[in-house]
Amino acid sequence: MAQPASGSETVLGQKWDQCISDTLLKVGGGLGVGIVFSVFLFKRKLWPIHMGGGIGLGMGLANCSHAFKDPYNVQGTIAKVIKETPKESSPKEEITIIRTEEAPKS
């Protein structure tokens, strides 16, 4: 039987899916804008279509690069460790208090 995918494989697959769909949308949008500019402003030349597609592809690849280079985008909790020394005890004795709170949403 096949084993279920682990958490990191699922996250990586989601990043790839998002990367591919985002790039295709940006290339399609760039081609669409290039076609409109080609038809209405540049007398049906091909260079606006190529330029729009290239800009869309570049923007999509830049977003993919940013998504894969951002490994610490995991929401979690912040643990604050506070060390206190009681007044009536010896100086070597410390009390450790761990307080957790939600991480800020970005």
PDB file of N, CA and C in Angstrom:
ATOM      1  N   MET A   1       0.824  -1.176   0.000  1.00  0.00           N
ATOM      2  CA  MET A   1       0.000   0.000   0.000  1.00  0.00           C
ATOM      3  C   MET A   1       0.871   1.243   0.000  1.00  0.00           C
ATOM      4  N   ALA A   2       0.354   2.275  -0.602  1.00  0.00           N
ATOM      5  CA  ALA A   2       1.075   3.544  -0.641  1.00  0.00           C
ATOM      6  C   ALA A   2       0.923   4.262   0.695  1.00  0.00           C
ATOM      7  N   GLN A   3       2.006   4.863   1.125  1.00  0.00           N
ATOM      8  CA  GLN A   3       1.978   5.609   2.380  1.00  0.00           C
ATOM      9  C   GLN A   3       1.478   7.029   2.102  1.00  0.00           C
ATOM     10  N   PRO A   4       0.757   7.619   3.043  1.00  0.00           N
ATOM     11  CA  PRO A   4       0.309   8.995   2.834  1.00  0.00           C
ATOM     12  C   PRO A   4       1.491   9.959   2.835  1.00  0.00           C
ATOM     13  N   ALA A   5       1.346  11.031   2.097  1.00  0.00           N
ATOM     14  CA  ALA A   5       2.422  12.012   1.994  1.00  0.00           C
ATOM     15  C   ALA A   5       2.635  12.703   3.338  1.00  0.00           C
ATOM     16  N   SER A   6       3.902  12.983   3.620  1.00  0.00           N
ATOM     17  CA  SER A   6       4.204  13.661   4.878  1.00  0.00           C
ATOM     18  C   SER A   6       3.905  15.153   4.740  1.00  0.00           C
ATOM     19  N   GLY A   7       4.008  15.876   5.824  1.00  0.00           N
ATOM     20  CA  GLY A   7       3.691  17.291   5.837  1.00  0.00           C
ATOM     21  C   GLY A   7       4.578  18.115   4.917  1.00  0.00           C
ATOM     22  N   SER A   8       5.878  17.836   4.913  1.00  0.00           N
ATOM     23  CA  SER A   8       6.780  18.636   4.084  1.00  0.00           C
ATOM     24  C   SER A   8       6.536  18.379   2.603  1.00  0.00           C
ATOM     25  N   GLU A   9       6.207  17.142   2.239  1.00  0.00           N
ATOM     26  CA  GLU A   9       5.912  16.848   0.839  1.00  0.00           C
ATOM     27  C   GLU A   9       4.638  17.550   0.393  1.00  0.00           C
ATOM     28  N   THR A  10       3.673  17.619   1.278  1.00  0.00           N
ATOM     29  CA  THR A  10       2.422  18.306   0.957  1.00  0.00           C
ATOM     30  C   THR A  10       2.663  19.795   0.770  1.00  0.00           C
ATOM     31  N   VAL A  11       3.456  20.390   1.648  1.00  0.00           N
ATOM     32  CA  VAL A  11       3.748  21.824   1.536  1.00  0.00           C
ATOM     33  C   VAL A  11       4.519  22.104   0.253  1.00  0.00           C
ATOM     34  N   LEU A  12       5.489  21.257  -0.066  1.00  0.00           N
ATOM     35  CA  LEU A  12       6.267  21.450  -1.289  1.00  0.00           C
ATOM     36  C   LEU A  12       5.382  21.310  -2.525  1.00  0.00           C
ATOM     37  N   GLY A  13       4.494  20.325  -2.524  1.00  0.00           N
ATOM     38  CA  GLY A  13       3.564  20.154  -3.642  1.00  0.00           C
ATOM     39  C   GLY A  13       2.638  21.346  -3.801  1.00  0.00           C
ATOM     40  N   GLN A  14       2.172  21.894  -2.687  1.00  0.00           N
ATOM     41  CA  GLN A  14       1.315  23.080  -2.754  1.00  0.00           C
ATOM     42  C   GLN A  14       2.079  24.277  -3.306  1.00  0.00           C
ATOM     43  N   LYS A  15       3.351  24.405  -2.916  1.00  0.00           N
ATOM     44  CA  LYS A  15       4.157  25.512  -3.448  1.00  0.00           C
ATOM     45  C   LYS A  15       4.352  25.373  -4.950  1.00  0.00           C
ATOM     46  N   TRP A  16       4.612  24.149  -5.413  1.00  0.00           N
ATOM     47  CA  TRP A  16       4.784  23.931  -6.854  1.00  0.00           C
ATOM     48  C   TRP A  16       3.480  24.212  -7.603  1.00  0.00           C
ATOM     49  N   ASP A  17       2.361  23.747  -7.062  1.00  0.00           N
ATOM     50  CA  ASP A  17       1.074  24.008  -7.708  1.00  0.00           C
ATOM     51  C   ASP A  17       0.800  25.499  -7.793  1.00  0.00           C
ATOM     52  N   GLN A  18       1.036  26.215  -6.694  1.00  0.00           N
ATOM     53  CA  GLN A  18       0.805  27.653  -6.679  1.00  0.00           C
ATOM     54  C   GLN A  18       1.763  28.362  -7.642  1.00  0.00           C
ATOM     55  N   CYS A  19       2.997  27.895  -7.694  1.00  0.00           N
ATOM     56  CA  CYS A  19       4.001  28.501  -8.568  1.00  0.00           C
ATOM     57  C   CYS A  19       3.608  28.348 -10.041  1.00  0.00           C
ATOM     58  N   ILE A  20       3.212  27.153 -10.423  1.00  0.00           N
ATOM     59  CA  ILE A  20       2.855  26.906 -11.816  1.00  0.00           C
ATOM     60  C   ILE A  20       1.601  27.680 -12.204  1.00  0.00           C
ATOM     61  N   SER A  21       0.580  27.657 -11.354  1.00  0.00           N
ATOM     62  CA  SER A  21      -0.655  28.364 -11.693  1.00  0.00           C
ATOM     63  C   SER A  21      -0.430  29.874 -11.735  1.00  0.00           C
ATOM     64  N   ASP A  22       0.356  30.411 -10.811  1.00  0.00           N
ATOM     65  CA  ASP A  22       0.642  31.846 -10.802  1.00  0.00           C
ATOM     66  C   ASP A  22       1.410  32.248 -12.058  1.00  0.00           C
ATOM     67  N   THR A  23       2.402  31.452 -12.445  1.00  0.00           N
ATOM     68  CA  THR A  23       3.180  31.762 -13.635  1.00  0.00           C
ATOM     69  C   THR A  23       2.314  31.702 -14.889  1.00  0.00           C
ATOM     70  N   LEU A  24       1.456  30.691 -14.990  1.00  0.00           N
ATOM     71  CA  LEU A  24       0.577  30.603 -16.163  1.00  0.00           C
ATOM     72  C   LEU A  24      -0.382  31.787 -16.232  1.00  0.00           C
ATOM     73  N   LEU A  25      -0.906  32.209 -15.102  1.00  0.00           N
ATOM     74  CA  LEU A  25      -1.791  33.375 -15.090  1.00  0.00           C
ATOM     75  C   LEU A  25      -1.050  34.649 -15.511  1.00  0.00           C
ATOM     76  N   LYS A  26       0.154  34.818 -15.022  1.00  0.00           N
ATOM     77  CA  LYS A  26       0.909  36.018 -15.365  1.00  0.00           C
ATOM     78  C   LYS A  26       1.332  36.014 -16.843  1.00  0.00           C
ATOM     79  N   VAL A  27       1.719  34.869 -17.365  1.00  0.00           N
ATOM     80  CA  VAL A  27       2.068  34.786 -18.783  1.00  0.00           C
ATOM     81  C   VAL A  27       0.826  35.055 -19.631  1.00  0.00           C
ATOM     82  N   GLY A  28      -0.304  34.463 -19.258  1.00  0.00           N
ATOM     83  CA  GLY A  28      -1.547  34.694 -20.003  1.00  0.00           C
ATOM     84  C   GLY A  28      -1.972  36.152 -19.960  1.00  0.00           C
ATOM     85  N   GLY A  29      -1.869  36.772 -18.808  1.00  0.00           N
ATOM     86  CA  GLY A  29      -2.195  38.194 -18.695  1.00  0.00           C
ATOM     87  C   GLY A  29      -1.261  39.056 -19.528  1.00  0.00           C
ATOM     88  N   GLY A  30       0.023  38.733 -19.486  1.00  0.00           N
ATOM     89  CA  GLY A  30       1.001  39.483 -20.289  1.00  0.00           C
ATOM     90  C   GLY A  30       0.754  39.322 -21.772  1.00  0.00           C
ATOM     91  N   LEU A  31       0.415  38.112 -22.194  1.00  0.00           N
ATOM     92  CA  LEU A  31       0.102  37.896 -23.607  1.00  0.00           C
ATOM     93  C   LEU A  31      -1.162  38.660 -23.995  1.00  0.00           C
ATOM     94  N   GLY A  32      -2.163  38.651 -23.125  1.00  0.00           N
ATOM     95  CA  GLY A  32      -3.404  39.375 -23.417  1.00  0.00           C
ATOM     96  C   GLY A  32      -3.168  40.872 -23.562  1.00  0.00           C
ATOM     97  N   VAL A  33      -2.405  41.444 -22.634  1.00  0.00           N
ATOM     98  CA  VAL A  33      -2.094  42.873 -22.722  1.00  0.00           C
ATOM     99  C   VAL A  33      -1.260  43.144 -23.968  1.00  0.00           C
ATOM    100  N   GLY A  34      -0.327  42.254 -24.284  1.00  0.00           N
ATOM    101  CA  GLY A  34       0.488  42.418 -25.492  1.00  0.00           C
ATOM    102  C   GLY A  34      -0.343  42.367 -26.758  1.00  0.00           C
ATOM    103  N   ILE A  35      -1.336  41.483 -26.793  1.00  0.00           N
ATOM    104  CA  ILE A  35      -2.216  41.398 -27.976  1.00  0.00           C
ATOM    105  C   ILE A  35      -3.029  42.678 -28.126  1.00  0.00           C
ATOM    106  N   VAL A  36      -3.567  43.181 -27.009  1.00  0.00           N
ATOM    107  CA  VAL A  36      -4.353  44.417 -27.062  1.00  0.00           C
ATOM    108  C   VAL A  36      -3.484  45.582 -27.546  1.00  0.00           C
ATOM    109  N   PHE A  37      -2.277  45.708 -27.011  1.00  0.00           N
ATOM    110  CA  PHE A  37      -1.391  46.783 -27.443  1.00  0.00           C
ATOM    111  C   PHE A  37      -0.982  46.600 -28.894  1.00  0.00           C
ATOM    112  N   SER A  38      -0.754  45.350 -29.310  1.00  0.00           N
ATOM    113  CA  SER A  38      -0.363  45.081 -30.677  1.00  0.00           C
ATOM    114  C   SER A  38      -1.465  45.468 -31.653  1.00  0.00           C
ATOM    115  N   VAL A  39      -2.692  45.141 -31.342  1.00  0.00           N
ATOM    116  CA  VAL A  39      -3.803  45.404 -32.248  1.00  0.00           C
ATOM    117  C   VAL A  39      -4.135  46.892 -32.313  1.00  0.00           C
ATOM    118  N   PHE A  40      -4.189  47.543 -31.146  1.00  0.00           N
ATOM    119  CA  PHE A  40      -4.690  48.915 -31.119  1.00  0.00           C
ATOM    120  C   PHE A  40      -3.613  49.989 -31.250  1.00  0.00           C
ATOM    121  N   LEU A  41      -2.395  49.728 -30.833  1.00  0.00           N
ATOM    122  CA  LEU A  41      -1.390  50.790 -30.841  1.00  0.00           C
ATOM    123  C   LEU A  41      -0.231  50.578 -31.811  1.00  0.00           C
ATOM    124  N   PHE A  42       0.170  49.341 -32.048  1.00  0.00           N
ATOM    125  CA  PHE A  42       1.404  49.111 -32.796  1.00  0.00           C
ATOM    126  C   PHE A  42       1.191  48.429 -34.145  1.00  0.00           C
ATOM    127  N   LYS A  43       0.022  48.583 -34.732  1.00  0.00           N
ATOM    128  CA  LYS A  43      -0.277  48.118 -36.100  1.00  0.00           C
ATOM    129  C   LYS A  43       0.066  46.642 -36.301  1.00  0.00           C
ATOM    130  N   ARG A  44      -0.361  45.820 -35.378  1.00  0.00           N
ATOM    131  CA  ARG A  44      -0.240  44.359 -35.448  1.00  0.00           C
ATOM    132  C   ARG A  44       1.205  43.859 -35.542  1.00  0.00           C
ATOM    133  N   LYS A  45       2.082  44.501 -34.831  1.00  0.00           N
ATOM    134  CA  LYS A  45       3.465  44.017 -34.713  1.00  0.00           C
ATOM    135  C   LYS A  45       3.501  42.902 -33.667  1.00  0.00           C
ATOM    136  N   LEU A  46       4.498  42.043 -33.726  1.00  0.00           N
ATOM    137  CA  LEU A  46       4.587  40.920 -32.786  1.00  0.00           C
ATOM    138  C   LEU A  46       5.350  41.237 -31.505  1.00  0.00           C
ATOM    139  N   TRP A  47       6.172  42.257 -31.512  1.00  0.00           N
ATOM    140  CA  TRP A  47       7.022  42.484 -30.350  1.00  0.00           C
ATOM    141  C   TRP A  47       6.242  42.799 -29.068  1.00  0.00           C
ATOM    142  N   PRO A  48       5.086  43.492 -29.109  1.00  0.00           N
ATOM    143  CA  PRO A  48       4.369  43.689 -27.831  1.00  0.00           C
ATOM    144  C   PRO A  48       3.855  42.382 -27.226  1.00  0.00           C
ATOM    145  N   ILE A  49       3.498  41.436 -28.071  1.00  0.00           N
ATOM    146  CA  ILE A  49       3.026  40.135 -27.576  1.00  0.00           C
ATOM    147  C   ILE A  49       4.171  39.389 -26.897  1.00  0.00           C
ATOM    148  N   HIS A  50       5.327  39.390 -27.541  1.00  0.00           N
ATOM    149  CA  HIS A  50       6.498  38.716 -26.961  1.00  0.00           C
ATOM    150  C   HIS A  50       6.945  39.410 -25.676  1.00  0.00           C
ATOM    151  N   MET A  51       6.901  40.733 -25.696  1.00  0.00           N
ATOM    152  CA  MET A  51       7.324  41.467 -24.502  1.00  0.00           C
ATOM    153  C   MET A  51       6.359  41.221 -23.345  1.00  0.00           C
ATOM    154  N   GLY A  52       5.066  41.230 -23.599  1.00  0.00           N
ATOM    155  CA  GLY A  52       4.084  40.974 -22.543  1.00  0.00           C
ATOM    156  C   GLY A  52       4.223  39.574 -21.977  1.00  0.00           C
ATOM    157  N   GLY A  53       4.415  38.580 -22.853  1.00  0.00           N
ATOM    158  CA  GLY A  53       4.617  37.211 -22.379  1.00  0.00           C
ATOM    159  C   GLY A  53       5.900  37.066 -21.576  1.00  0.00           C
ATOM    160  N   GLY A  54       6.963  37.743 -22.012  1.00  0.00           N
ATOM    161  CA  GLY A  54       8.233  37.681 -21.295  1.00  0.00           C
ATOM    162  C   GLY A  54       8.164  38.344 -19.931  1.00  0.00           C
ATOM    163  N   ILE A  55       7.459  39.470 -19.867  1.00  0.00           N
ATOM    164  CA  ILE A  55       7.311  40.147 -18.577  1.00  0.00           C
ATOM    165  C   ILE A  55       6.495  39.271 -17.626  1.00  0.00           C
ATOM    166  N   GLY A  56       5.417  38.672 -18.138  1.00  0.00           N
ATOM    167  CA  GLY A  56       4.608  37.782 -17.299  1.00  0.00           C
ATOM    168  C   GLY A  56       5.404  36.582 -16.808  1.00  0.00           C
ATOM    169  N   LEU A  57       6.207  36.003 -17.701  1.00  0.00           N
ATOM    170  CA  LEU A  57       7.037  34.858 -17.313  1.00  0.00           C
ATOM    171  C   LEU A  57       8.064  35.271 -16.257  1.00  0.00           C
ATOM    172  N   GLY A  58       8.684  36.421 -16.438  1.00  0.00           N
ATOM    173  CA  GLY A  58       9.664  36.900 -15.459  1.00  0.00           C
ATOM    174  C   GLY A  58       9.045  37.158 -14.100  1.00  0.00           C
ATOM    175  N   MET A  59       7.844  37.751 -14.095  1.00  0.00           N
ATOM    176  CA  MET A  59       7.170  38.005 -12.817  1.00  0.00           C
ATOM    177  C   MET A  59       6.793  36.695 -12.131  1.00  0.00           C
ATOM    178  N   GLY A  60       6.312  35.723 -12.900  1.00  0.00           N
ATOM    179  CA  GLY A  60       5.952  34.428 -12.323  1.00  0.00           C
ATOM    180  C   GLY A  60       7.155  33.704 -11.748  1.00  0.00           C
ATOM    181  N   LEU A  61       8.268  33.726 -12.465  1.00  0.00           N
ATOM    182  CA  LEU A  61       9.477  33.058 -11.968  1.00  0.00           C
ATOM    183  C   LEU A  61      10.038  33.762 -10.735  1.00  0.00           C
ATOM    184  N   ALA A  62       9.943  35.091 -10.697  1.00  0.00           N
ATOM    185  CA  ALA A  62      10.413  35.821  -9.515  1.00  0.00           C
ATOM    186  C   ALA A  62       9.560  35.458  -8.299  1.00  0.00           C
ATOM    187  N   ASN A  63       8.249  35.335  -8.479  1.00  0.00           N
ATOM    188  CA  ASN A  63       7.385  34.942  -7.367  1.00  0.00           C
ATOM    189  C   ASN A  63       7.693  33.516  -6.913  1.00  0.00           C
ATOM    190  N   CYS A  64       7.976  32.618  -7.862  1.00  0.00           N
ATOM    191  CA  CYS A  64       8.333  31.238  -7.506  1.00  0.00           C
ATOM    192  C   CYS A  64       9.643  31.200  -6.721  1.00  0.00           C
ATOM    193  N   SER A  65      10.608  31.969  -7.179  1.00  0.00           N
ATOM    194  CA  SER A  65      11.885  32.012  -6.479  1.00  0.00           C
ATOM    195  C   SER A  65      11.708  32.511  -5.055  1.00  0.00           C
ATOM    196  N   HIS A  66      10.879  33.531  -4.891  1.00  0.00           N
ATOM    197  CA  HIS A  66      10.627  34.058  -3.548  1.00  0.00           C
ATOM    198  C   HIS A  66       9.904  33.027  -2.677  1.00  0.00           C
ATOM    199  N   ALA A  67       8.964  32.290  -3.261  1.00  0.00           N
ATOM    200  CA  ALA A  67       8.212  31.296  -2.486  1.00  0.00           C
ATOM    201  C   ALA A  67       9.108  30.155  -2.009  1.00  0.00           C
ATOM    202  N   PHE A  68      10.053  29.735  -2.837  1.00  0.00           N
ATOM    203  CA  PHE A  68      10.907  28.620  -2.454  1.00  0.00           C
ATOM    204  C   PHE A  68      12.078  29.043  -1.572  1.00  0.00           C
ATOM    205  N   LYS A  69      12.424  30.325  -1.560  1.00  0.00           N
ATOM    206  CA  LYS A  69      13.514  30.798  -0.700  1.00  0.00           C
ATOM    207  C   LYS A  69      13.013  31.276   0.650  1.00  0.00           C
ATOM    208  N   ASP A  70      11.732  31.142   0.936  1.00  0.00           N
ATOM    209  CA  ASP A  70      11.148  31.611   2.185  1.00  0.00           C
ATOM    210  C   ASP A  70      10.764  30.408   3.040  1.00  0.00           C
ATOM    211  N   PRO A  71      11.741  29.742   3.678  1.00  0.00           N
ATOM    212  CA  PRO A  71      11.427  28.515   4.398  1.00  0.00           C
ATOM    213  C   PRO A  71      10.772  28.725   5.752  1.00  0.00           C
ATOM    214  N   TYR A  72      10.780  29.949   6.271  1.00  0.00           N
ATOM    215  CA  TYR A  72      10.296  30.170   7.624  1.00  0.00           C
ATOM    216  C   TYR A  72       8.904  30.797   7.643  1.00  0.00           C
ATOM    217  N   ASN A  73       8.090  30.491   6.669  1.00  0.00           N
ATOM    218  CA  ASN A  73       6.755  31.062   6.575  1.00  0.00           C
ATOM    219  C   ASN A  73       5.728  30.142   7.224  1.00  0.00           C
ATOM    220  N   VAL A  74       6.046  29.627   8.388  1.00  0.00           N
ATOM    221  CA  VAL A  74       5.160  28.705   9.094  1.00  0.00           C
ATOM    222  C   VAL A  74       4.589  29.431  10.300  1.00  0.00           C
ATOM    223  N   GLN A  75       3.273  29.404  10.440  1.00  0.00           N
ATOM    224  CA  GLN A  75       2.639  30.055  11.580  1.00  0.00           C
ATOM    225  C   GLN A  75       2.762  29.141  12.796  1.00  0.00           C
ATOM    226  N   GLY A  76       3.029  29.706  13.917  1.00  0.00           N
ATOM    227  CA  GLY A  76       3.181  28.902  15.124  1.00  0.00           C
ATOM    228  C   GLY A  76       2.962  29.744  16.352  1.00  0.00           C
ATOM    229  N   THR A  77       3.540  29.301  17.437  1.00  0.00           N
ATOM    230  CA  THR A  77       3.413  30.059  18.675  1.00  0.00           C
ATOM    231  C   THR A  77       4.789  30.571  19.080  1.00  0.00           C
ATOM    232  N   ILE A  78       4.776  31.642  19.814  1.00  0.00           N
ATOM    233  CA  ILE A  78       6.014  32.224  20.330  1.00  0.00           C
ATOM    234  C   ILE A  78       6.135  31.817  21.791  1.00  0.00           C
ATOM    235  N   ALA A  79       7.272  31.263  22.146  1.00  0.00           N
ATOM    236  CA  ALA A  79       7.504  30.873  23.533  1.00  0.00           C
ATOM    237  C   ALA A  79       8.487  31.853  24.145  1.00  0.00           C
ATOM    238  N   LYS A  80       8.063  32.515  25.206  1.00  0.00           N
ATOM    239  CA  LYS A  80       8.930  33.451  25.912  1.00  0.00           C
ATOM    240  C   LYS A  80       9.381  32.786  27.206  1.00  0.00           C
ATOM    241  N   VAL A  81      10.674  32.717  27.406  1.00  0.00           N
ATOM    242  CA  VAL A  81      11.232  32.106  28.609  1.00  0.00           C
ATOM    243  C   VAL A  81      11.679  33.219  29.540  1.00  0.00           C
ATOM    244  N   ILE A  82      11.118  33.209  30.723  1.00  0.00           N
ATOM    245  CA  ILE A  82      11.436  34.219  31.726  1.00  0.00           C
ATOM    246  C   ILE A  82      12.082  33.502  32.899  1.00  0.00           C
ATOM    247  N   LYS A  83      13.282  33.924  33.260  1.00  0.00           N
ATOM    248  CA  LYS A  83      13.966  33.315  34.400  1.00  0.00           C
ATOM    249  C   LYS A  83      13.916  34.292  35.561  1.00  0.00           C
ATOM    250  N   GLU A  84      13.397  33.825  36.669  1.00  0.00           N
ATOM    251  CA  GLU A  84      13.285  34.642  37.869  1.00  0.00           C
ATOM    252  C   GLU A  84      14.034  33.981  39.009  1.00  0.00           C
ATOM    253  N   THR A  85      14.603  34.786  39.850  1.00  0.00           N
ATOM    254  CA  THR A  85      15.264  34.295  41.054  1.00  0.00           C
ATOM    255  C   THR A  85      14.414  34.719  42.251  1.00  0.00           C
ATOM    256  N   PRO A  86      13.912  33.751  43.021  1.00  0.00           N
ATOM    257  CA  PRO A  86      13.114  34.112  44.197  1.00  0.00           C
ATOM    258  C   PRO A  86      13.959  34.894  45.202  1.00  0.00           C
ATOM    259  N   LYS A  87      13.328  35.850  45.890  1.00  0.00           N
ATOM    260  CA  LYS A  87      14.063  36.714  46.829  1.00  0.00           C
ATOM    261  C   LYS A  87      14.524  35.962  48.077  1.00  0.00           C
ATOM    262  N   GLU A  88      13.726  34.994  48.541  1.00  0.00           N
ATOM    263  CA  GLU A  88      14.076  34.320  49.791  1.00  0.00           C
ATOM    264  C   GLU A  88      14.930  33.065  49.583  1.00  0.00           C
ATOM    265  N   SER A  89      15.293  32.724  48.356  1.00  0.00           N
ATOM    266  CA  SER A  89      16.098  31.517  48.124  1.00  0.00           C
ATOM    267  C   SER A  89      17.535  31.897  47.782  1.00  0.00           C
ATOM    268  N   SER A  90      18.337  30.867  47.556  1.00  0.00           N
ATOM    269  CA  SER A  90      19.736  31.110  47.236  1.00  0.00           C
ATOM    270  C   SER A  90      19.853  31.685  45.813  1.00  0.00           C
ATOM    271  N   PRO A  91      20.933  32.383  45.512  1.00  0.00           N
ATOM    272  CA  PRO A  91      21.084  33.014  44.194  1.00  0.00           C
ATOM    273  C   PRO A  91      21.181  32.009  43.044  1.00  0.00           C
ATOM    274  N   LYS A  92      21.553  30.758  43.323  1.00  0.00           N
ATOM    275  CA  LYS A  92      21.684  29.765  42.256  1.00  0.00           C
ATOM    276  C   LYS A  92      20.342  29.176  41.850  1.00  0.00           C
ATOM    277  N   GLU A  93      19.333  29.320  42.663  1.00  0.00           N
ATOM    278  CA  GLU A  93      18.039  28.738  42.376  1.00  0.00           C
ATOM    279  C   GLU A  93      17.244  29.701  41.481  1.00  0.00           C
ATOM    280  N   GLU A  94      16.755  29.180  40.358  1.00  0.00           N
ATOM    281  CA  GLU A  94      15.991  29.992  39.416  1.00  0.00           C
ATOM    282  C   GLU A  94      14.673  29.306  39.092  1.00  0.00           C
ATOM    283  N   ILE A  95      13.681  30.086  38.784  1.00  0.00           N
ATOM    284  CA  ILE A  95      12.390  29.569  38.340  1.00  0.00           C
ATOM    285  C   ILE A  95      12.240  29.945  36.875  1.00  0.00           C
ATOM    286  N   THR A  96      11.918  28.961  36.058  1.00  0.00           N
ATOM    287  CA  THR A  96      11.725  29.218  34.640  1.00  0.00           C
ATOM    288  C   THR A  96      10.233  29.211  34.337  1.00  0.00           C
ATOM    289  N   ILE A  97       9.760  30.287  33.739  1.00  0.00           N
ATOM    290  CA  ILE A  97       8.358  30.404  33.366  1.00  0.00           C
ATOM    291  C   ILE A  97       8.302  30.469  31.841  1.00  0.00           C
ATOM    292  N   ILE A  98       7.519  29.599  31.250  1.00  0.00           N
ATOM    293  CA  ILE A  98       7.359  29.604  29.798  1.00  0.00           C
ATOM    294  C   ILE A  98       5.930  30.042  29.495  1.00  0.00           C
ATOM    295  N   ARG A  99       5.820  31.138  28.764  1.00  0.00           N
ATOM    296  CA  ARG A  99       4.512  31.665  28.392  1.00  0.00           C
ATOM    297  C   ARG A  99       4.403  31.609  26.871  1.00  0.00           C
ATOM    298  N   THR A 100       3.343  31.009  26.359  1.00  0.00           N
ATOM    299  CA  THR A 100       3.159  30.923  24.911  1.00  0.00           C
ATOM    300  C   THR A 100       2.014  31.840  24.499  1.00  0.00           C
ATOM    301  N   GLU A 101       2.171  32.389  23.304  1.00  0.00           N
ATOM    302  CA  GLU A 101       1.134  33.223  22.726  1.00  0.00           C
ATOM    303  C   GLU A 101       1.137  33.011  21.214  1.00  0.00           C
ATOM    304  N   GLU A 102       0.053  33.368  20.580  1.00  0.00           N
ATOM    305  CA  GLU A 102      -0.058  33.193  19.131  1.00  0.00           C
ATOM    306  C   GLU A 102       0.918  34.101  18.405  1.00  0.00           C
ATOM    307  N   ALA A 103       1.470  33.580  17.334  1.00  0.00           N
ATOM    308  CA  ALA A 103       2.352  34.390  16.501  1.00  0.00           C
ATOM    309  C   ALA A 103       1.515  35.420  15.742  1.00  0.00           C
ATOM    310  N   PRO A 104       2.059  36.580  15.479  1.00  0.00           N
ATOM    311  CA  PRO A 104       1.289  37.596  14.730  1.00  0.00           C
ATOM    312  C   PRO A 104       1.016  37.111  13.314  1.00  0.00           C
ATOM    313  N   LYS A 105      -0.178  37.362  12.821  1.00  0.00           N
ATOM    314  CA  LYS A 105      -0.547  36.991  11.463  1.00  0.00           C
ATOM    315  C   LYS A 105       0.028  38.025  10.499  1.00  0.00           C
ATOM    316  N   SER A 106       0.667  37.515   9.471  1.00  0.00           N
ATOM    317  CA  SER A 106       1.235  38.453   8.500  1.00  0.00           C
ATOM    318  C   SER A 106       0.436  38.477   7.232  1.00  0.00           C
TER     319      SER A 106
END
